[in-house]
Protein backbone atom coordinates (compact mmCIF):
# COMPACT_ATOMS: atom_id res chain seq x y z
CA ARG A 1 -60.10 130.92 -72.07
CA ASN A 2 -63.33 129.20 -73.11
CA ASP A 3 -61.38 126.23 -74.44
CA ARG A 4 -59.73 125.79 -71.06
CA GLU A 5 -63.06 125.93 -69.24
CA ILE A 6 -64.58 123.36 -71.59
CA ALA A 7 -61.56 121.05 -71.27
CA GLY A 8 -61.77 121.36 -67.48
CA LEU A 9 -65.49 120.61 -67.45
CA ARG A 10 -64.98 117.56 -69.66
CA THR A 11 -62.33 116.30 -67.26
CA ILE A 12 -64.58 116.90 -64.25
CA GLU A 13 -67.37 114.93 -65.91
CA ALA A 14 -64.93 112.08 -66.59
CA LEU A 15 -64.02 112.10 -62.88
CA ARG A 16 -67.70 111.98 -61.94
CA ALA A 17 -68.35 109.11 -64.35
CA TYR A 18 -65.40 107.19 -62.89
CA ALA A 19 -66.71 107.69 -59.36
CA ALA A 20 -70.19 106.57 -60.40
CA VAL A 21 -68.95 103.11 -61.40
CA ASN A 22 -66.28 102.79 -58.68
CA ASP A 23 -68.35 103.04 -55.49
CA GLY A 24 -67.84 106.80 -55.22
CA GLN A 25 -64.04 106.59 -55.35
CA LEU A 26 -62.10 109.09 -57.45
CA PRO A 27 -59.10 107.84 -59.44
CA GLU A 28 -55.60 107.97 -58.01
CA LYS A 29 -54.39 109.60 -61.24
CA LEU A 30 -55.94 110.88 -64.46
CA ASP A 31 -54.45 107.95 -66.38
CA ASP A 32 -56.87 105.69 -64.50
CA LEU A 33 -59.83 107.23 -66.35
CA THR A 34 -61.31 104.98 -69.02
CA VAL A 35 -62.69 107.78 -71.19
CA PRO A 36 -60.47 110.13 -73.17
CA ILE A 37 -59.93 113.53 -71.57
CA PRO A 38 -58.60 116.68 -73.19
CA ASP A 39 -55.29 118.28 -72.36
CA ASP A 40 -55.09 121.79 -70.94
CA PRO A 41 -55.21 123.94 -74.10
CA PHE A 42 -52.71 126.42 -72.59
CA THR A 43 -49.99 123.84 -72.03
CA GLY A 44 -50.86 120.98 -74.38
CA ARG A 45 -50.41 118.61 -71.40
CA PRO A 46 -52.90 117.05 -68.97
CA PHE A 47 -54.19 119.20 -66.13
CA ASP A 48 -52.40 118.79 -62.81
CA TYR A 49 -54.33 116.37 -60.60
CA GLN A 50 -54.01 115.50 -56.93
CA LEU A 51 -56.19 113.25 -54.83
CA ASP A 52 -56.46 113.82 -51.09
CA GLY A 53 -58.93 111.39 -49.56
CA ARG A 54 -62.31 112.09 -51.13
CA THR A 55 -61.25 115.41 -52.65
CA ALA A 56 -59.50 115.81 -55.97
CA VAL A 57 -57.85 119.02 -57.11
CA LEU A 58 -57.67 119.71 -60.83
CA GLN A 59 -55.65 122.73 -61.91
CA GLY A 60 -53.67 124.29 -64.67
CA PRO A 61 -50.78 126.69 -64.42
CA PRO A 62 -51.81 130.33 -64.18
CA ALA A 63 -52.10 132.20 -67.43
CA PRO A 64 -52.20 135.99 -67.67
CA GLY A 65 -55.39 137.01 -65.90
CA LEU A 66 -56.64 133.44 -65.53
CA LEU A 67 -56.28 130.82 -62.82
CA PHE A 68 -57.86 127.40 -63.25
CA ARG A 69 -58.35 125.37 -60.07
CA VAL A 70 -61.28 123.11 -59.22
CA GLU A 71 -61.90 120.89 -56.20
CA VAL A 72 -64.06 117.83 -56.80
CA ARG A 73 -65.64 116.04 -53.83
CA VAL A 74 -67.80 112.97 -54.06
CA ALA A 75 -70.82 112.94 -51.78
CA HIS A 76 -71.47 109.85 -49.69
């Protein structure tokens, strides 16, 4: 559980760093990030990522008793 939270936080920080050098724009896909990001420790694959305008949704499939879903919005 802690490993998943840490991997998620590292990915969120990579998204923020990307936006900081790209005029506040989030990447279209995680592959656009220039820094390495961890995979979801529960699946061994990248987190699911969707971009809708200025909001990105990062999530992993539910595990017993644990749901991982984060929305990232970049302020103007």
